[in-house]
Amino acid sequence: MTSQPRSATKLSGAMRATLFYTILRFGLFIVVFGLLYAAGARSFLLLAASILISGIISYFVLSPQRAAMSGAISKRVTDFRHRLDAGTRSEDDD
């Protein structure tokens, strides 16, 4: 089995999905933070409420992105396990 060298500038599917989901989560947090700041929330209340509200919203709104990220990571782990098993079988055959 030959593997092609990976380009340092090309992101894998799992990394791309994870990065996209993380950026969306951070963006949602910033939007909620801004709205609460404009509404007059300050100090610890602003930070705590922003984390809580953006987390609840992202649970529902970002569900497709989270599923895509989970699927990409699961595929990568499965592929790694298959390569590991193939390597073990070839060592056992020797």
N, C-alpha and C. Protein backbone atom coordinates (compact mmCIF):
# COMPACT_ATOMS: atom_id res chain seq x y z
N MET A 1 0.86 -1.17 0.00
CA MET A 1 0.00 0.00 0.00
C MET A 1 0.90 1.23 0.00
N THR A 2 0.75 2.06 -0.99
CA THR A 2 1.55 3.28 -1.06
C THR A 2 0.69 4.45 -0.65
N SER A 3 1.28 5.32 0.09
CA SER A 3 0.54 6.51 0.50
C SER A 3 1.21 7.73 -0.11
N GLN A 4 0.40 8.65 -0.50
CA GLN A 4 0.92 9.87 -1.11
C GLN A 4 1.31 10.84 -0.02
N PRO A 5 2.41 11.57 -0.21
CA PRO A 5 2.78 12.57 0.81
C PRO A 5 1.74 13.68 0.85
N ARG A 6 1.47 14.12 2.05
CA ARG A 6 0.48 15.18 2.23
C ARG A 6 1.12 16.54 2.06
N SER A 7 0.37 17.42 1.47
CA SER A 7 0.84 18.79 1.32
C SER A 7 0.64 19.52 2.64
N ALA A 8 1.60 20.32 3.01
CA ALA A 8 1.52 21.04 4.28
C ALA A 8 0.43 22.11 4.25
N THR A 9 0.04 22.55 3.07
CA THR A 9 -0.94 23.62 2.98
C THR A 9 -2.36 23.08 2.79
N LYS A 10 -2.52 21.80 2.53
CA LYS A 10 -3.85 21.24 2.28
C LYS A 10 -4.39 20.62 3.57
N LEU A 11 -5.57 21.04 3.97
CA LEU A 11 -6.19 20.51 5.18
C LEU A 11 -6.96 19.24 4.86
N SER A 12 -6.90 18.28 5.75
CA SER A 12 -7.68 17.06 5.57
C SER A 12 -9.15 17.37 5.84
N GLY A 13 -10.01 16.44 5.48
CA GLY A 13 -11.45 16.63 5.68
C GLY A 13 -11.80 16.82 7.14
N ALA A 14 -11.15 16.04 8.02
CA ALA A 14 -11.45 16.14 9.45
C ALA A 14 -11.00 17.49 10.01
N MET A 15 -9.83 17.94 9.59
CA MET A 15 -9.34 19.23 10.08
C MET A 15 -10.19 20.37 9.55
N ARG A 16 -10.60 20.29 8.29
CA ARG A 16 -11.42 21.33 7.69
C ARG A 16 -12.78 21.42 8.40
N ALA A 17 -13.40 20.27 8.65
CA ALA A 17 -14.69 20.24 9.33
C ALA A 17 -14.58 20.78 10.75
N THR A 18 -13.50 20.40 11.45
CA THR A 18 -13.30 20.87 12.82
C THR A 18 -13.04 22.36 12.86
N LEU A 19 -12.21 22.84 11.95
CA LEU A 19 -11.91 24.26 11.89
C LEU A 19 -13.17 25.07 11.56
N PHE A 20 -13.97 24.61 10.61
CA PHE A 20 -15.20 25.30 10.23
C PHE A 20 -16.17 25.37 11.42
N TYR A 21 -16.35 24.25 12.13
CA TYR A 21 -17.24 24.22 13.27
C TYR A 21 -16.75 25.15 14.38
N THR A 22 -15.45 25.14 14.63
CA THR A 22 -14.87 25.99 15.67
C THR A 22 -15.04 27.47 15.34
N ILE A 23 -14.82 27.83 14.08
CA ILE A 23 -15.00 29.22 13.67
C ILE A 23 -16.46 29.65 13.83
N LEU A 24 -17.39 28.77 13.45
CA LEU A 24 -18.81 29.10 13.62
C LEU A 24 -19.18 29.26 15.09
N ARG A 25 -18.66 28.37 15.95
CA ARG A 25 -18.93 28.49 17.38
C ARG A 25 -18.39 29.79 17.95
N PHE A 26 -17.15 30.13 17.57
CA PHE A 26 -16.54 31.36 18.05
C PHE A 26 -17.31 32.58 17.54
N GLY A 27 -17.71 32.55 16.28
CA GLY A 27 -18.49 33.65 15.72
C GLY A 27 -19.81 33.84 16.43
N LEU A 28 -20.47 32.73 16.73
CA LEU A 28 -21.74 32.80 17.46
C LEU A 28 -21.53 33.39 18.85
N PHE A 29 -20.44 32.99 19.50
CA PHE A 29 -20.12 33.55 20.82
C PHE A 29 -19.91 35.06 20.74
N ILE A 30 -19.18 35.52 19.73
CA ILE A 30 -18.90 36.96 19.57
C ILE A 30 -20.21 37.73 19.33
N VAL A 31 -21.10 37.18 18.50
CA VAL A 31 -22.38 37.84 18.23
C VAL A 31 -23.20 37.95 19.51
N VAL A 32 -23.31 36.86 20.26
CA VAL A 32 -24.08 36.88 21.51
C VAL A 32 -23.43 37.84 22.51
N PHE A 33 -22.11 37.81 22.59
CA PHE A 33 -21.38 38.71 23.48
C PHE A 33 -21.69 40.16 23.13
N GLY A 34 -21.66 40.49 21.85
CA GLY A 34 -21.95 41.85 21.40
C GLY A 34 -23.37 42.28 21.71
N LEU A 35 -24.31 41.37 21.47
CA LEU A 35 -25.71 41.70 21.75
C LEU A 35 -25.96 41.91 23.24
N LEU A 36 -25.36 41.07 24.07
CA LEU A 36 -25.54 41.24 25.51
C LEU A 36 -24.84 42.49 26.02
N TYR A 37 -23.69 42.82 25.43
CA TYR A 37 -22.98 44.04 25.81
C TYR A 37 -23.82 45.26 25.46
N ALA A 38 -24.42 45.22 24.26
CA ALA A 38 -25.29 46.34 23.84
C ALA A 38 -26.53 46.44 24.72
N ALA A 39 -26.96 45.30 25.27
CA ALA A 39 -28.13 45.30 26.15
C ALA A 39 -27.79 45.74 27.57
N GLY A 40 -26.50 45.93 27.86
CA GLY A 40 -26.13 46.45 29.16
C GLY A 40 -25.48 45.47 30.11
N ALA A 41 -25.30 44.22 29.69
CA ALA A 41 -24.64 43.24 30.57
C ALA A 41 -23.15 43.58 30.65
N ARG A 42 -22.58 43.42 31.83
CA ARG A 42 -21.17 43.73 32.03
C ARG A 42 -20.56 42.68 32.96
N SER A 43 -19.25 42.66 33.03
CA SER A 43 -18.47 41.87 33.97
C SER A 43 -18.67 40.37 33.77
N PHE A 44 -18.69 39.64 34.88
CA PHE A 44 -18.79 38.19 34.84
C PHE A 44 -20.11 37.73 34.23
N LEU A 45 -21.18 38.47 34.47
CA LEU A 45 -22.48 38.13 33.92
C LEU A 45 -22.43 38.10 32.40
N LEU A 46 -21.74 39.06 31.80
CA LEU A 46 -21.62 39.12 30.34
C LEU A 46 -20.92 37.87 29.80
N LEU A 47 -19.82 37.50 30.39
CA LEU A 47 -19.06 36.34 29.93
C LEU A 47 -19.84 35.03 30.15
N ALA A 48 -20.39 34.86 31.34
CA ALA A 48 -21.12 33.63 31.66
C ALA A 48 -22.36 33.48 30.79
N ALA A 49 -23.11 34.54 30.63
CA ALA A 49 -24.33 34.48 29.82
C ALA A 49 -23.98 34.25 28.34
N SER A 50 -22.91 34.84 27.87
CA SER A 50 -22.49 34.65 26.48
C SER A 50 -22.13 33.19 26.21
N ILE A 51 -21.38 32.59 27.12
CA ILE A 51 -21.01 31.19 26.97
C ILE A 51 -22.24 30.29 27.00
N LEU A 52 -23.11 30.52 27.97
CA LEU A 52 -24.31 29.69 28.11
C LEU A 52 -25.25 29.83 26.91
N ILE A 53 -25.57 31.04 26.54
CA ILE A 53 -26.53 31.27 25.45
C ILE A 53 -25.96 30.80 24.11
N SER A 54 -24.70 31.11 23.83
CA SER A 54 -24.13 30.67 22.55
C SER A 54 -24.00 29.15 22.50
N GLY A 55 -23.76 28.51 23.64
CA GLY A 55 -23.72 27.05 23.70
C GLY A 55 -25.07 26.42 23.40
N ILE A 56 -26.12 26.99 23.97
CA ILE A 56 -27.47 26.47 23.73
C ILE A 56 -27.87 26.68 22.27
N ILE A 57 -27.61 27.86 21.74
CA ILE A 57 -27.95 28.14 20.34
C ILE A 57 -27.17 27.22 19.41
N SER A 58 -25.88 27.05 19.67
CA SER A 58 -25.06 26.22 18.78
C SER A 58 -25.48 24.76 18.83
N TYR A 59 -26.02 24.30 19.95
CA TYR A 59 -26.48 22.92 20.05
C TYR A 59 -27.55 22.63 18.99
N PHE A 60 -28.42 23.60 18.76
CA PHE A 60 -29.50 23.41 17.80
C PHE A 60 -29.11 23.87 16.39
N VAL A 61 -28.50 25.03 16.29
CA VAL A 61 -28.22 25.63 14.98
C VAL A 61 -27.05 24.95 14.26
N LEU A 62 -26.03 24.57 15.01
CA LEU A 62 -24.83 24.01 14.39
C LEU A 62 -24.81 22.48 14.40
N SER A 63 -25.96 21.87 14.57
CA SER A 63 -26.03 20.41 14.60
C SER A 63 -25.52 19.76 13.30
N PRO A 64 -25.86 20.28 12.12
CA PRO A 64 -25.32 19.67 10.89
C PRO A 64 -23.80 19.76 10.79
N GLN A 65 -23.25 20.89 11.20
CA GLN A 65 -21.79 21.04 11.16
C GLN A 65 -21.11 20.12 12.17
N ARG A 66 -21.74 19.95 13.33
CA ARG A 66 -21.19 19.06 14.35
C ARG A 66 -21.24 17.61 13.85
N ALA A 67 -22.32 17.24 13.17
CA ALA A 67 -22.42 15.89 12.62
C ALA A 67 -21.38 15.66 11.53
N ALA A 68 -21.15 16.67 10.69
CA ALA A 68 -20.13 16.55 9.64
C ALA A 68 -18.74 16.41 10.25
N MET A 69 -18.47 17.18 11.29
CA MET A 69 -17.17 17.09 11.96
C MET A 69 -17.00 15.71 12.60
N SER A 70 -18.02 15.25 13.27
CA SER A 70 -17.97 13.93 13.91
C SER A 70 -17.77 12.83 12.89
N GLY A 71 -18.46 12.91 11.76
CA GLY A 71 -18.31 11.91 10.71
C GLY A 71 -16.91 11.91 10.12
N ALA A 72 -16.35 13.09 9.91
CA ALA A 72 -15.00 13.18 9.34
C ALA A 72 -13.96 12.63 10.30
N ILE A 73 -14.11 12.93 11.58
CA ILE A 73 -13.16 12.41 12.58
C ILE A 73 -13.32 10.89 12.70
N SER A 74 -14.55 10.41 12.71
CA SER A 74 -14.79 8.98 12.81
C SER A 74 -14.20 8.23 11.61
N LYS A 75 -14.34 8.80 10.42
CA LYS A 75 -13.78 8.18 9.22
C LYS A 75 -12.26 8.13 9.31
N ARG A 76 -11.67 9.19 9.79
CA ARG A 76 -10.21 9.22 9.91
C ARG A 76 -9.71 8.17 10.91
N VAL A 77 -10.40 8.04 12.03
CA VAL A 77 -10.02 7.04 13.03
C VAL A 77 -10.21 5.63 12.47
N THR A 78 -11.31 5.40 11.77
CA THR A 78 -11.56 4.09 11.17
C THR A 78 -10.50 3.75 10.14
N ASP A 79 -10.15 4.71 9.28
CA ASP A 79 -9.10 4.48 8.28
C ASP A 79 -7.76 4.16 8.95
N PHE A 80 -7.46 4.86 10.03
CA PHE A 80 -6.21 4.60 10.76
C PHE A 80 -6.21 3.19 11.33
N ARG A 81 -7.34 2.78 11.90
CA ARG A 81 -7.42 1.43 12.47
C ARG A 81 -7.27 0.36 11.40
N HIS A 82 -7.86 0.60 10.22
CA HIS A 82 -7.72 -0.36 9.12
C HIS A 82 -6.26 -0.46 8.67
N ARG A 83 -5.57 0.68 8.57
CA ARG A 83 -4.15 0.65 8.19
C ARG A 83 -3.32 -0.05 9.25
N LEU A 84 -3.65 0.19 10.52
CA LEU A 84 -2.94 -0.46 11.62
C LEU A 84 -3.16 -1.97 11.59
N ASP A 85 -4.41 -2.38 11.36
CA ASP A 85 -4.72 -3.81 11.27
C ASP A 85 -4.01 -4.45 10.08
N ALA A 86 -3.97 -3.76 8.95
CA ALA A 86 -3.28 -4.29 7.77
C ALA A 86 -1.79 -4.44 8.05
N GLY A 87 -1.19 -3.50 8.73
CA GLY A 87 0.22 -3.59 9.09
C GLY A 87 0.48 -4.75 10.03
N THR A 88 -0.42 -4.95 10.99
CA THR A 88 -0.28 -6.06 11.93
C THR A 88 -0.40 -7.39 11.22
N ARG A 89 -1.36 -7.51 10.28
CA ARG A 89 -1.53 -8.75 9.53
C ARG A 89 -0.31 -9.04 8.68
N SER A 90 0.27 -7.99 8.06
CA SER A 90 1.44 -8.23 7.22
C SER A 90 2.65 -8.65 8.07
N GLU A 91 2.75 -8.14 9.28
CA GLU A 91 3.83 -8.57 10.18
C GLU A 91 3.61 -10.01 10.63
N ASP A 92 2.35 -10.38 10.87
CA ASP A 92 2.04 -11.73 11.29
C ASP A 92 2.32 -12.75 10.19
N ASP A 93 2.14 -12.33 8.93
CA ASP A 93 2.38 -13.22 7.80
C ASP A 93 3.86 -13.51 7.61
N ASP A 94 4.71 -12.61 8.04
CA ASP A 94 6.17 -12.79 7.86
C ASP A 94 6.75 -13.82 8.75
